[in-house]
């Protein structure tokens, strides 16, 4: 999927200029990369806010309409107000159709309710990763990666190498090994054993309390 959004160039920089833009319903931003100088821009707050509410906007190609031309770019950073529904600043990176890009895309987990480890084993799905860093050409960029859990049994994990990636898409991860994406945790694991051990410790403390109360009574 590709999105289209409008922007205008801005010449004035600084805190005061950004404050005036926000009062006028605009969001200050920057467009950089692609072997060109950074371009200061501004965008309509409501248009950008509605776009950001869509998950796909964060990991899709964006056609930025600026000064009568359209530039392909990716959303790279968004700064939000701590408690208001207000976008403070936004960054876009230029891309071109002939070069591969790195982008994080969300993972969509399906069939968790019919996974043997959940349906038969009473286990719980534990998401180790919620997004995946991928490398591909812009035309091959997916909105999300689907992760099917229908065959996952209790105690089993699904790794990055086991994901079914779309054609032209490759996973990128740092370090060695094959990272875990999701696992099904069942009772009786180490975590469950620790939880069961906790009441024993509490019981010991409880048994000491009457002795302490008895000593207090003797002092009286």
C-alpha atoms as a PDB file:
ATOM      1  CA  UNK A   1       0.000   0.000   0.000  1.00  0.00           C
ATOM      2  CA  UNK A   2       1.084   3.571  -0.708  1.00  0.00           C
ATOM      3  CA  UNK A   3      -0.116   6.754   0.949  1.00  0.00           C
ATOM      4  CA  UNK A   4      -0.217  10.309  -0.318  1.00  0.00           C
ATOM      5  CA  UNK A   5       0.199  13.366   1.882  1.00  0.00           C
ATOM      6  CA  UNK A   6       0.656  17.073   1.220  1.00  0.00           C
ATOM      7  CA  UNK A   7       3.497  19.247   2.499  1.00  0.00           C
ATOM      8  CA  UNK A   8       4.728  22.792   2.066  1.00  0.00           C
ATOM      9  CA  UNK A   9       8.307  24.089   2.210  1.00  0.00           C
ATOM     10  CA  UNK A  10       9.189  26.305   5.178  1.00  0.00           C
ATOM     11  CA  UNK A  11      12.055  28.757   5.337  1.00  0.00           C
ATOM     12  CA  UNK A  12      11.872  29.977   8.923  1.00  0.00           C
ATOM     13  CA  UNK A  13      13.341  27.741  11.614  1.00  0.00           C
ATOM     14  CA  UNK A  14      13.604  27.885  15.378  1.00  0.00           C
ATOM     15  CA  UNK A  15      11.381  27.369  18.399  1.00  0.00           C
ATOM     16  CA  UNK A  16       9.338  30.505  17.823  1.00  0.00           C
ATOM     17  CA  UNK A  17       8.653  29.663  14.186  1.00  0.00           C
ATOM     18  CA  UNK A  18       7.620  26.104  15.090  1.00  0.00           C
ATOM     19  CA  UNK A  19       5.283  27.416  17.777  1.00  0.00           C
ATOM     20  CA  UNK A  20       3.589  29.727  15.295  1.00  0.00           C
ATOM     21  CA  UNK A  21       3.173  26.858  12.834  1.00  0.00           C
ATOM     22  CA  UNK A  22       1.500  24.701  15.465  1.00  0.00           C
ATOM     23  CA  UNK A  23      -0.872  27.513  16.424  1.00  0.00           C
ATOM     24  CA  UNK A  24      -1.835  27.718  12.734  1.00  0.00           C
ATOM     25  CA  UNK A  25      -2.641  23.978  12.642  1.00  0.00           C
ATOM     26  CA  UNK A  26       0.602  22.971  10.924  1.00  0.00           C
ATOM     27  CA  UNK A  27       3.275  20.439  11.921  1.00  0.00           C
ATOM     28  CA  UNK A  28       6.969  21.267  11.374  1.00  0.00           C
ATOM     29  CA  UNK A  29       8.973  18.499   9.770  1.00  0.00           C
ATOM     30  CA  UNK A  30      12.038  17.608   7.739  1.00  0.00           C
ATOM     31  CA  UNK A  31      12.610  15.609   4.562  1.00  0.00           C
ATOM     32  CA  UNK A  32      16.137  14.218   4.183  1.00  0.00           C
ATOM     33  CA  UNK A  33      18.235  11.590   2.397  1.00  0.00           C
ATOM     34  CA  UNK A  34      18.347  10.472  -1.190  1.00  0.00           C
ATOM     35  CA  UNK A  35      21.576  12.334  -1.904  1.00  0.00           C
ATOM     36  CA  UNK A  36      19.810  15.692  -1.598  1.00  0.00           C
ATOM     37  CA  UNK A  37      20.038  18.447   1.024  1.00  0.00           C
ATOM     38  CA  UNK A  38      17.548  18.309   3.915  1.00  0.00           C
ATOM     39  CA  UNK A  39      14.317  20.179   3.200  1.00  0.00           C
ATOM     40  CA  UNK A  40      12.364  21.878   5.991  1.00  0.00           C
ATOM     41  CA  UNK A  41       8.639  21.267   5.517  1.00  0.00           C
ATOM     42  CA  UNK A  42       5.280  21.705   7.227  1.00  0.00           C
ATOM     43  CA  UNK A  43       2.144  19.583   7.042  1.00  0.00           C
ATOM     44  CA  UNK A  44      -1.501  19.975   7.932  1.00  0.00           C
ATOM     45  CA  UNK A  45      -1.953  18.643  11.468  1.00  0.00           C
ATOM     46  CA  UNK A  46      -5.349  17.018  10.946  1.00  0.00           C
ATOM     47  CA  UNK A  47      -4.335  15.299   7.706  1.00  0.00           C
ATOM     48  CA  UNK A  48      -1.161  13.915   9.299  1.00  0.00           C
ATOM     49  CA  UNK A  49      -2.939  12.937  12.519  1.00  0.00           C
ATOM     50  CA  UNK A  50      -5.534  10.880  10.641  1.00  0.00           C
ATOM     51  CA  UNK A  51      -2.803   9.207   8.578  1.00  0.00           C
ATOM     52  CA  UNK A  52      -0.802   8.271  11.681  1.00  0.00           C
ATOM     53  CA  UNK A  53      -3.822   6.473  13.134  1.00  0.00           C
ATOM     54  CA  UNK A  54      -3.455   3.863  10.379  1.00  0.00           C
ATOM     55  CA  UNK A  55      -0.921   1.168  11.200  1.00  0.00           C
ATOM     56  CA  UNK A  56       0.140   0.758   7.571  1.00  0.00           C
ATOM     57  CA  UNK A  57       1.165   4.426   7.318  1.00  0.00           C
ATOM     58  CA  UNK A  58       4.114   3.746   9.639  1.00  0.00           C
ATOM     59  CA  UNK A  59       5.609   1.077   7.382  1.00  0.00           C
ATOM     60  CA  UNK A  60       4.451   1.956   3.862  1.00  0.00           C
ATOM     61  CA  UNK A  61       5.715   4.047   0.972  1.00  0.00           C
ATOM     62  CA  UNK A  62       4.524   7.644   1.278  1.00  0.00           C
ATOM     63  CA  UNK A  63       4.169   9.884  -1.752  1.00  0.00           C
ATOM     64  CA  UNK A  64       4.911  13.322  -0.375  1.00  0.00           C
ATOM     65  CA  UNK A  65       3.513  16.103  -2.556  1.00  0.00           C
ATOM     66  CA  UNK A  66       5.825  19.083  -2.154  1.00  0.00           C
ATOM     67  CA  UNK A  67       6.218  22.203  -4.314  1.00  0.00           C
ATOM     68  CA  UNK A  68       4.453  20.687  -7.306  1.00  0.00           C
ATOM     69  CA  UNK A  69       6.460  17.462  -7.241  1.00  0.00           C
ATOM     70  CA  UNK A  70       5.947  14.056  -5.621  1.00  0.00           C
ATOM     71  CA  UNK A  71       8.739  12.388  -3.673  1.00  0.00           C
ATOM     72  CA  UNK A  72       8.788   8.830  -2.411  1.00  0.00           C
ATOM     73  CA  UNK A  73       9.688   8.607   1.257  1.00  0.00           C
ATOM     74  CA  UNK A  74       9.329   6.674   4.489  1.00  0.00           C
ATOM     75  CA  UNK A  75       8.186   7.898   7.877  1.00  0.00           C
ATOM     76  CA  UNK A  76      11.208   7.805  10.177  1.00  0.00           C
ATOM     77  CA  UNK A  77      10.259   9.649  13.369  1.00  0.00           C
ATOM     78  CA  UNK A  78       7.268  11.290  15.026  1.00  0.00           C
ATOM     79  CA  UNK A  79       7.399  13.448  18.132  1.00  0.00           C
ATOM     80  CA  UNK A  80       4.135  13.672  20.088  1.00  0.00           C
ATOM     81  CA  UNK A  81       3.047  15.944  22.906  1.00  0.00           C
ATOM     82  CA  UNK A  82       3.337  14.164  26.307  1.00  0.00           C
ATOM     83  CA  UNK A  83      -0.410  14.320  27.024  1.00  0.00           C
ATOM     84  CA  UNK A  84      -2.181  16.308  24.294  1.00  0.00           C
ATOM     85  CA  UNK A  85      -3.318  14.854  20.975  1.00  0.00           C
ATOM     86  CA  UNK A  86      -0.736  16.948  19.229  1.00  0.00           C
ATOM     87  CA  UNK A  87       2.055  16.094  16.783  1.00  0.00           C
ATOM     88  CA  UNK A  88       5.139  18.170  17.541  1.00  0.00           C
ATOM     89  CA  UNK A  89       7.499  17.185  14.710  1.00  0.00           C
ATOM     90  CA  UNK A  90       7.850  14.600  11.965  1.00  0.00           C
ATOM     91  CA  UNK A  91      10.766  13.206   9.923  1.00  0.00           C
ATOM     92  CA  UNK A  92      10.621  11.652   6.450  1.00  0.00           C
ATOM     93  CA  UNK A  93      13.435   9.949   4.507  1.00  0.00           C
ATOM     94  CA  UNK A  94      13.597  10.058   0.710  1.00  0.00           C
ATOM     95  CA  UNK A  95      13.893   6.762  -1.133  1.00  0.00           C
ATOM     96  CA  UNK A  96      14.068   5.672  -4.761  1.00  0.00           C
ATOM     97  CA  UNK A  97      12.568   2.706  -6.544  1.00  0.00           C
ATOM     98  CA  UNK A  98      15.915   1.163  -7.567  1.00  0.00           C
ATOM     99  CA  UNK A  99      17.548   0.809  -4.153  1.00  0.00           C
ATOM    100  CA  UNK A 100      16.608  -1.578  -1.356  1.00  0.00           C
ATOM    101  CA  UNK A 101      15.388  -0.100   1.896  1.00  0.00           C
ATOM    102  CA  UNK A 102      15.450  -1.173   5.527  1.00  0.00           C
ATOM    103  CA  UNK A 103      12.129  -0.886   7.292  1.00  0.00           C
ATOM    104  CA  UNK A 104      10.403  -2.323  10.350  1.00  0.00           C
ATOM    105  CA  UNK A 105       6.988  -3.809   9.658  1.00  0.00           C
ATOM    106  CA  UNK A 106       4.436  -5.073  12.199  1.00  0.00           C
ATOM    107  CA  UNK A 107       3.801  -8.759  12.806  1.00  0.00           C
ATOM    108  CA  UNK A 108       0.197  -9.972  12.678  1.00  0.00           C
ATOM    109  CA  UNK A 109      -0.363 -13.183  14.650  1.00  0.00           C
ATOM    110  CA  UNK A 110      -3.198 -15.451  13.509  1.00  0.00           C
ATOM    111  CA  UNK A 111      -4.789 -18.728  14.662  1.00  0.00           C
ATOM    112  CA  UNK A 112      -3.567 -18.393  18.258  1.00  0.00           C
ATOM    113  CA  UNK A 113      -6.912 -19.750  19.497  1.00  0.00           C
ATOM    114  CA  UNK A 114      -6.542 -23.034  17.590  1.00  0.00           C
ATOM    115  CA  UNK A 115      -2.846 -23.600  18.292  1.00  0.00           C
ATOM    116  CA  UNK A 116      -2.460 -27.030  19.977  1.00  0.00           C
ATOM    117  CA  UNK A 117      -0.428 -25.496  22.779  1.00  0.00           C
ATOM    118  CA  UNK A 118      -3.298 -23.144  23.615  1.00  0.00           C
ATOM    119  CA  UNK A 119      -6.417 -25.124  22.729  1.00  0.00           C
ATOM    120  CA  UNK A 120      -5.267 -28.508  24.064  1.00  0.00           C
ATOM    121  CA  UNK A 121      -2.417 -27.624  26.407  1.00  0.00           C
ATOM    122  CA  UNK A 122      -3.897 -24.549  28.070  1.00  0.00           C
ATOM    123  CA  UNK A 123      -0.776 -22.577  27.287  1.00  0.00           C
ATOM    124  CA  UNK A 124      -0.366 -18.856  26.782  1.00  0.00           C
ATOM    125  CA  UNK A 125       1.064 -17.134  23.703  1.00  0.00           C
ATOM    126  CA  UNK A 126       4.074 -14.981  24.523  1.00  0.00           C
ATOM    127  CA  UNK A 127       5.059 -12.463  21.846  1.00  0.00           C
ATOM    128  CA  UNK A 128       8.810 -11.930  21.912  1.00  0.00           C
ATOM    129  CA  UNK A 129       8.738  -9.709  18.814  1.00  0.00           C
ATOM    130  CA  UNK A 130       5.933  -7.488  17.534  1.00  0.00           C
ATOM    131  CA  UNK A 131       7.717  -6.115  14.460  1.00  0.00           C
ATOM    132  CA  UNK A 132      10.400  -7.319  12.073  1.00  0.00           C
ATOM    133  CA  UNK A 133      13.247  -5.442  10.422  1.00  0.00           C
ATOM    134  CA  UNK A 134      13.257  -6.292   6.723  1.00  0.00           C
ATOM    135  CA  UNK A 135      15.150  -5.383   3.556  1.00  0.00           C
ATOM    136  CA  UNK A 136      13.518  -5.102   0.127  1.00  0.00           C
ATOM    137  CA  UNK A 137      12.837  -2.862  -2.842  1.00  0.00           C
ATOM    138  CA  UNK A 138      10.135  -0.235  -2.271  1.00  0.00           C
ATOM    139  CA  UNK A 139       7.724  -2.055  -4.595  1.00  0.00           C
ATOM    140  CA  UNK A 140       7.993  -5.215  -2.455  1.00  0.00           C
ATOM    141  CA  UNK A 141       7.438  -3.519   0.909  1.00  0.00           C
ATOM    142  CA  UNK A 142       4.602  -5.341   2.756  1.00  0.00           C
ATOM    143  CA  UNK A 143       2.167  -3.677   5.157  1.00  0.00           C
ATOM    144  CA  UNK A 144       2.781  -6.454   7.677  1.00  0.00           C
ATOM    145  CA  UNK A 145       4.152  -9.973   8.071  1.00  0.00           C
ATOM    146  CA  UNK A 146       1.641 -12.686   8.948  1.00  0.00           C
ATOM    147  CA  UNK A 147       2.649 -15.212  11.614  1.00  0.00           C
ATOM    148  CA  UNK A 148       0.526 -18.383  11.651  1.00  0.00           C
ATOM    149  CA  UNK A 149       0.431 -20.179  15.018  1.00  0.00           C
ATOM    150  CA  UNK A 150      -1.922 -23.040  14.053  1.00  0.00           C
ATOM    151  CA  UNK A 151       0.756 -25.750  14.432  1.00  0.00           C
ATOM    152  CA  UNK A 152       2.543 -24.416  17.512  1.00  0.00           C
ATOM    153  CA  UNK A 153       2.504 -26.799  20.486  1.00  0.00           C
ATOM    154  CA  UNK A 154       3.104 -26.058  24.143  1.00  0.00           C
ATOM    155  CA  UNK A 155       6.703 -25.180  24.902  1.00  0.00           C
ATOM    156  CA  UNK A 156       7.506 -24.648  21.234  1.00  0.00           C
ATOM    157  CA  UNK A 157       8.841 -21.430  19.715  1.00  0.00           C
ATOM    158  CA  UNK A 158       8.693 -19.921  16.258  1.00  0.00           C
ATOM    159  CA  UNK A 159      11.928 -18.363  14.982  1.00  0.00           C
ATOM    160  CA  UNK A 160      12.655 -15.692  12.396  1.00  0.00           C
ATOM    161  CA  UNK A 161      13.925 -18.282   9.928  1.00  0.00           C
ATOM    162  CA  UNK A 162      10.529 -20.019  10.037  1.00  0.00           C
ATOM    163  CA  UNK A 163       8.526 -16.969   8.983  1.00  0.00           C
ATOM    164  CA  UNK A 164       6.963 -17.004   5.529  1.00  0.00           C
ATOM    165  CA  UNK A 165       8.164 -13.770   3.956  1.00  0.00           C
ATOM    166  CA  UNK A 166       6.720 -12.309   0.745  1.00  0.00           C
ATOM    167  CA  UNK A 167       8.793 -12.593  -2.454  1.00  0.00           C
ATOM    168  CA  UNK A 168      11.693 -10.141  -2.565  1.00  0.00           C
ATOM    169  CA  UNK A 169      11.674  -9.608   1.206  1.00  0.00           C
ATOM    170  CA  UNK A 170      14.469 -10.720   3.539  1.00  0.00           C
ATOM    171  CA  UNK A 171      14.683 -10.488   7.307  1.00  0.00           C
ATOM    172  CA  UNK A 172      17.457  -8.429   8.874  1.00  0.00           C
ATOM    173  CA  UNK A 173      18.600  -9.077  12.433  1.00  0.00           C
ATOM    174  CA  UNK A 174      21.713  -8.150  14.366  1.00  0.00           C
ATOM    175  CA  UNK A 175      23.914 -10.599  16.211  1.00  0.00           C
ATOM    176  CA  UNK A 176      24.193 -14.354  15.898  1.00  0.00           C
ATOM    177  CA  UNK A 177      21.603 -17.087  16.106  1.00  0.00           C
ATOM    178  CA  UNK A 178      17.988 -17.297  15.040  1.00  0.00           C
ATOM    179  CA  UNK A 179      15.834 -14.933  17.161  1.00  0.00           C
ATOM    180  CA  UNK A 180      12.592 -16.199  18.685  1.00  0.00           C
ATOM    181  CA  UNK A 181       9.442 -14.468  17.434  1.00  0.00           C
ATOM    182  CA  UNK A 182       6.771 -16.117  19.567  1.00  0.00           C
ATOM    183  CA  UNK A 183       6.493 -19.007  22.003  1.00  0.00           C
ATOM    184  CA  UNK A 184       3.740 -20.853  23.854  1.00  0.00           C
ATOM    185  CA  UNK A 185       4.355 -21.004  27.586  1.00  0.00           C
ATOM    186  CA  UNK A 186       2.676 -23.779  29.584  1.00  0.00           C
ATOM    187  CA  UNK A 187       2.350 -24.304  33.321  1.00  0.00           C
ATOM    188  CA  UNK A 188       5.142 -26.301  34.859  1.00  0.00           C
ATOM    189  CA  UNK A 189       7.831 -24.186  33.205  1.00  0.00           C
ATOM    190  CA  UNK A 190      10.505 -22.409  35.193  1.00  0.00           C
ATOM    191  CA  UNK A 191       8.384 -19.297  35.526  1.00  0.00           C
ATOM    192  CA  UNK A 192       5.433 -21.293  36.858  1.00  0.00           C
ATOM    193  CA  UNK A 193       7.670 -23.137  39.327  1.00  0.00           C
ATOM    194  CA  UNK A 194       8.895 -19.828  40.717  1.00  0.00           C
ATOM    195  CA  UNK A 195       5.314 -18.646  41.176  1.00  0.00           C
ATOM    196  CA  UNK A 196       4.442 -21.835  43.065  1.00  0.00           C
ATOM    197  CA  UNK A 197       7.473 -21.411  45.325  1.00  0.00           C
ATOM    198  CA  UNK A 198       6.394 -17.947  46.453  1.00  0.00           C
ATOM    199  CA  UNK A 199       3.550 -19.046  48.816  1.00  0.00           C
ATOM    200  CA  UNK A 200       6.000 -21.269  50.769  1.00  0.00           C
ATOM    201  CA  UNK A 201       8.093 -18.224  51.564  1.00  0.00           C
ATOM    202  CA  UNK A 202       4.981 -16.309  52.637  1.00  0.00           C
ATOM    203  CA  UNK A 203       3.923 -19.180  54.889  1.00  0.00           C
ATOM    204  CA  UNK A 204       7.225 -19.083  56.793  1.00  0.00           C
ATOM    205  CA  UNK A 205       6.813 -15.378  57.450  1.00  0.00           C
ATOM    206  CA  UNK A 206       3.238 -15.980  58.639  1.00  0.00           C
ATOM    207  CA  UNK A 207       4.375 -18.626  61.102  1.00  0.00           C
ATOM    208  CA  UNK A 208       6.838 -16.229  62.695  1.00  0.00           C
ATOM    209  CA  UNK A 209       4.163 -13.618  63.413  1.00  0.00           C
ATOM    210  CA  UNK A 210       2.520 -15.412  66.417  1.00  0.00           C
ATOM    211  CA  UNK A 211       5.907 -15.724  68.121  1.00  0.00           C
ATOM    212  CA  UNK A 212       6.497 -12.010  67.700  1.00  0.00           C
ATOM    213  CA  UNK A 213       3.042 -11.244  69.093  1.00  0.00           C
ATOM    214  CA  UNK A 214       3.672 -13.565  72.094  1.00  0.00           C
ATOM    215  CA  UNK A 215       6.910 -11.753  72.968  1.00  0.00           C
ATOM    216  CA  UNK A 216       5.063  -8.457  72.783  1.00  0.00           C
ATOM    217  CA  UNK A 217       2.508  -9.823  75.244  1.00  0.00           C
ATOM    218  CA  UNK A 218       5.206 -10.964  77.675  1.00  0.00           C
ATOM    219  CA  UNK A 219       6.733  -7.489  77.751  1.00  0.00           C
ATOM    220  CA  UNK A 220       3.388  -6.107  78.841  1.00  0.00           C
END
